[in-house]
Amino acid sequence: MSKVACITGYKSFELGIFKPDDKSIYYIKEALKKELYTLLDEGLEWVLISGQLGVELWGAEVVFELQEEYPDLKLAVLTPFLNQEENWNDENKEYYEFILSQADFVESISKEPYKGPQQFRNKNQLFLQKCQTVVILYDEEKDGSPKYFYQEVKKKKETDPAFEVRAINFHDLQWVVEEEQWKNE
């Protein structure tokens, strides 16, 4: 059985990140990379995202970097519904299309455009079924869109001890920033 990890977390605007060259993105990607390296040592084969702007697409970029070293690592993008990027600006659409073009598997869970929040709940349930590990950038002290998935993840962890949750909070990110600064001194 393939070892599958989901990556999710805040959307870029929830973190106050509006430019693709924001230094914060580098640190977030480094934190994700550390988690993925550990998972690769444990046999990780697939990374699953839903294609949301922010942590998920940055996670996809990390997967592409790691594929140079781990060519068997694969990325799947399972969107909650068709055309999720429809209302995004052109720069974000272009970035999203680039990620999809590089992914190993792309599919929409719902074969319809956005109809309602049930499509997100369906996506969450599918991800919880497919993934043995969830890497989530979420801090319980800062509310945001990952909150609902995080609650589902915690429930699954209670009933399935083998299920692994790797939560990255803001304290963890601060460690990454300090570590990187120390390395570059």
Protein backbone atom coordinates (compact mmCIF):
# COMPACT_ATOMS: atom_id res chain seq x y z
CA MET A 1 0.00 0.00 0.00
CA SER A 2 1.30 3.44 -0.95
CA LYS A 3 2.17 5.81 1.86
CA VAL A 4 0.21 9.02 1.25
CA ALA A 5 0.48 12.37 3.03
CA CYS A 6 -1.86 15.34 2.69
CA ILE A 7 -0.50 18.86 2.93
CA THR A 8 -2.79 21.71 3.86
CA GLY A 9 -2.90 24.89 5.88
CA TYR A 10 -3.69 28.55 5.64
CA LYS A 11 -4.46 30.34 2.41
CA SER A 12 -1.84 32.97 1.54
CA PHE A 13 -4.09 35.95 2.35
CA GLU A 14 -4.84 34.48 5.82
CA LEU A 15 -1.10 34.80 6.53
CA GLY A 16 -0.91 38.31 5.06
CA ILE A 17 1.18 37.04 2.14
CA PHE A 18 0.27 38.73 -1.14
CA LYS A 19 3.48 38.53 -3.19
CA PRO A 20 5.09 35.38 -4.60
CA ASP A 21 8.55 36.55 -3.43
CA ASP A 22 7.52 37.13 0.22
CA LYS A 23 10.35 35.81 2.44
CA SER A 24 7.79 34.05 4.68
CA ILE A 25 7.04 31.60 1.87
CA TYR A 26 10.65 30.41 1.94
CA TYR A 27 10.40 29.58 5.66
CA ILE A 28 7.03 27.87 5.28
CA LYS A 29 8.45 25.74 2.45
CA GLU A 30 11.49 24.86 4.58
CA ALA A 31 9.18 23.71 7.40
CA LEU A 32 7.18 21.58 4.95
CA LYS A 33 10.37 20.19 3.46
CA LYS A 34 11.61 19.05 6.88
CA GLU A 35 8.38 17.13 7.45
CA LEU A 36 8.46 15.58 3.98
CA TYR A 37 12.09 14.46 4.36
CA THR A 38 11.10 12.56 7.51
CA LEU A 39 8.12 11.02 5.72
CA LEU A 40 10.26 10.09 2.71
CA ASP A 41 12.55 8.18 5.06
CA GLU A 42 9.41 6.32 6.20
CA GLY A 43 8.40 5.39 2.64
CA LEU A 44 6.27 8.33 1.49
CA GLU A 45 5.15 7.86 -2.14
CA TRP A 46 2.33 10.36 -2.73
CA VAL A 47 1.53 13.88 -1.56
CA LEU A 48 -2.08 14.95 -1.87
CA ILE A 49 -3.37 18.54 -2.00
CA SER A 50 -6.63 20.18 -3.05
CA GLY A 51 -4.89 23.01 -4.89
CA GLN A 52 -5.74 25.91 -2.57
CA LEU A 53 -3.64 29.05 -2.82
CA GLY A 54 -1.13 29.26 0.02
CA VAL A 55 0.33 26.35 1.96
CA GLU A 56 -0.99 23.69 -0.44
CA LEU A 57 0.53 25.14 -3.60
CA TRP A 58 3.77 25.96 -1.77
CA GLY A 59 3.76 22.34 -0.65
CA ALA A 60 3.44 21.32 -4.30
CA GLU A 61 6.55 23.37 -5.11
CA VAL A 62 8.40 21.57 -2.32
CA VAL A 63 7.35 18.21 -3.81
CA PHE A 64 8.71 19.30 -7.22
CA GLU A 65 12.04 20.22 -5.59
CA LEU A 66 12.19 16.90 -3.74
CA GLN A 67 11.39 14.95 -6.91
CA GLU A 68 14.90 15.79 -8.15
CA GLU A 69 16.28 13.77 -5.23
CA TYR A 70 13.31 11.35 -4.90
CA PRO A 71 12.04 10.72 -8.45
CA ASP A 72 9.40 8.23 -7.22
CA LEU A 73 7.65 10.86 -5.11
CA LYS A 74 4.36 11.88 -6.73
CA LEU A 75 1.92 14.78 -6.38
CA ALA A 76 -1.86 14.42 -6.71
CA VAL A 77 -4.16 17.43 -6.87
CA LEU A 78 -7.76 16.55 -6.01
CA THR A 79 -9.83 19.72 -6.22
CA PRO A 80 -13.11 19.89 -4.28
CA PHE A 81 -15.02 21.01 -7.41
CA LEU A 82 -14.47 22.02 -11.04
CA ASN A 83 -12.90 25.41 -11.87
CA GLN A 84 -11.98 26.34 -8.30
CA GLU A 85 -9.62 28.98 -9.71
CA GLU A 86 -12.41 30.68 -11.68
CA ASN A 87 -12.52 33.87 -9.57
CA TRP A 88 -8.77 34.14 -8.95
CA ASN A 89 -6.67 36.89 -10.50
CA ASP A 90 -4.61 36.10 -13.61
CA GLU A 91 -1.32 35.76 -11.72
CA ASN A 92 -2.80 33.19 -9.32
CA LYS A 93 -4.52 31.31 -12.17
CA GLU A 94 -1.22 31.09 -14.05
CA TYR A 95 0.59 29.81 -10.95
CA TYR A 96 -2.18 27.25 -10.32
CA GLU A 97 -2.08 26.05 -13.94
CA PHE A 98 1.69 25.62 -13.67
CA ILE A 99 1.29 23.44 -10.55
CA LEU A 100 -1.42 21.34 -12.24
CA SER A 101 0.74 20.90 -15.33
CA GLN A 102 3.57 19.45 -13.19
CA ALA A 103 1.38 17.22 -10.99
CA ASP A 104 1.33 13.44 -11.51
CA PHE A 105 -2.44 13.21 -11.07
CA VAL A 106 -5.19 15.86 -11.26
CA GLU A 107 -8.90 15.28 -10.72
CA SER A 108 -11.95 17.08 -9.32
CA ILE A 109 -13.82 15.25 -6.58
CA SER A 110 -17.13 16.87 -7.55
CA LYS A 111 -17.75 16.95 -11.29
CA GLU A 112 -19.62 20.25 -10.92
CA PRO A 113 -18.56 23.84 -10.24
CA TYR A 114 -19.00 25.22 -6.72
CA LYS A 115 -22.45 24.44 -5.31
CA GLY A 116 -21.91 24.70 -1.55
CA PRO A 117 -19.84 23.86 1.53
CA GLN A 118 -20.71 20.15 1.26
CA GLN A 119 -18.11 19.91 -1.52
CA PHE A 120 -15.41 20.95 0.97
CA ARG A 121 -16.71 18.45 3.54
CA ASN A 122 -16.61 15.72 0.86
CA LYS A 123 -13.03 16.70 0.03
CA ASN A 124 -12.05 16.56 3.71
CA GLN A 125 -13.57 13.08 4.11
CA LEU A 126 -11.82 11.77 1.00
CA PHE A 127 -8.47 13.17 2.15
CA LEU A 128 -8.90 11.55 5.56
CA GLN A 129 -9.58 8.21 3.84
CA LYS A 130 -6.61 8.46 1.45
CA CYS A 131 -3.89 9.82 3.74
CA GLN A 132 -2.00 8.07 6.52
CA THR A 133 -0.39 11.38 7.50
CA VAL A 134 -1.54 14.98 7.45
CA VAL A 135 1.01 17.81 7.39
CA ILE A 136 -0.91 20.92 8.35
CA LEU A 137 0.24 24.48 8.92
CA TYR A 138 -2.25 25.54 11.55
CA ASP A 139 -2.01 27.29 14.87
CA GLU A 140 -4.99 26.90 17.18
CA GLU A 141 -4.44 30.48 18.36
CA LYS A 142 -5.01 31.90 14.85
CA ASP A 143 -8.36 31.03 13.38
CA GLY A 144 -8.59 30.38 9.67
CA SER A 145 -9.81 28.07 6.92
CA PRO A 146 -7.77 25.00 8.06
CA LYS A 147 -9.71 24.93 11.34
CA TYR A 148 -12.48 22.61 10.09
CA PHE A 149 -10.13 20.09 8.53
CA TYR A 150 -7.93 20.21 11.64
CA GLN A 151 -10.94 19.34 13.81
CA GLU A 152 -11.69 16.34 11.54
CA VAL A 153 -8.02 15.31 11.67
CA LYS A 154 -8.03 15.36 15.48
CA LYS A 155 -11.21 13.21 15.55
CA LYS A 156 -9.63 10.67 13.20
CA LYS A 157 -6.47 10.57 15.32
CA GLU A 158 -8.59 9.63 18.37
CA THR A 159 -10.09 6.60 16.60
CA ASP A 160 -7.05 5.60 14.52
CA PRO A 161 -3.77 5.57 16.48
CA ALA A 162 -1.76 4.78 13.32
CA PHE A 163 -2.98 8.01 11.70
CA GLU A 164 -0.29 10.66 11.94
CA VAL A 165 -0.77 14.40 12.36
CA ARG A 166 2.20 16.68 11.82
CA ALA A 167 0.99 20.14 12.78
CA ILE A 168 3.28 23.07 12.15
CA ASN A 169 2.39 26.08 14.30
CA PHE A 170 3.82 29.59 14.40
CA HIS A 171 6.29 28.63 17.13
CA ASP A 172 7.64 25.87 14.83
CA LEU A 173 7.97 28.38 12.00
CA GLN A 174 9.90 30.73 14.27
CA TRP A 175 12.36 27.87 14.92
CA VAL A 176 12.80 27.39 11.18
CA VAL A 177 13.45 31.11 10.70
CA GLU A 178 16.06 31.12 13.49
CA GLU A 179 17.67 27.92 12.19
CA GLU A 180 17.94 29.34 8.67
CA GLN A 181 19.34 32.63 9.94
CA TRP A 182 21.88 30.74 12.05
CA LYS A 183 22.92 28.66 9.01
CA ASN A 184 23.46 31.81 6.97
CA GLU A 185 25.57 33.68 9.50
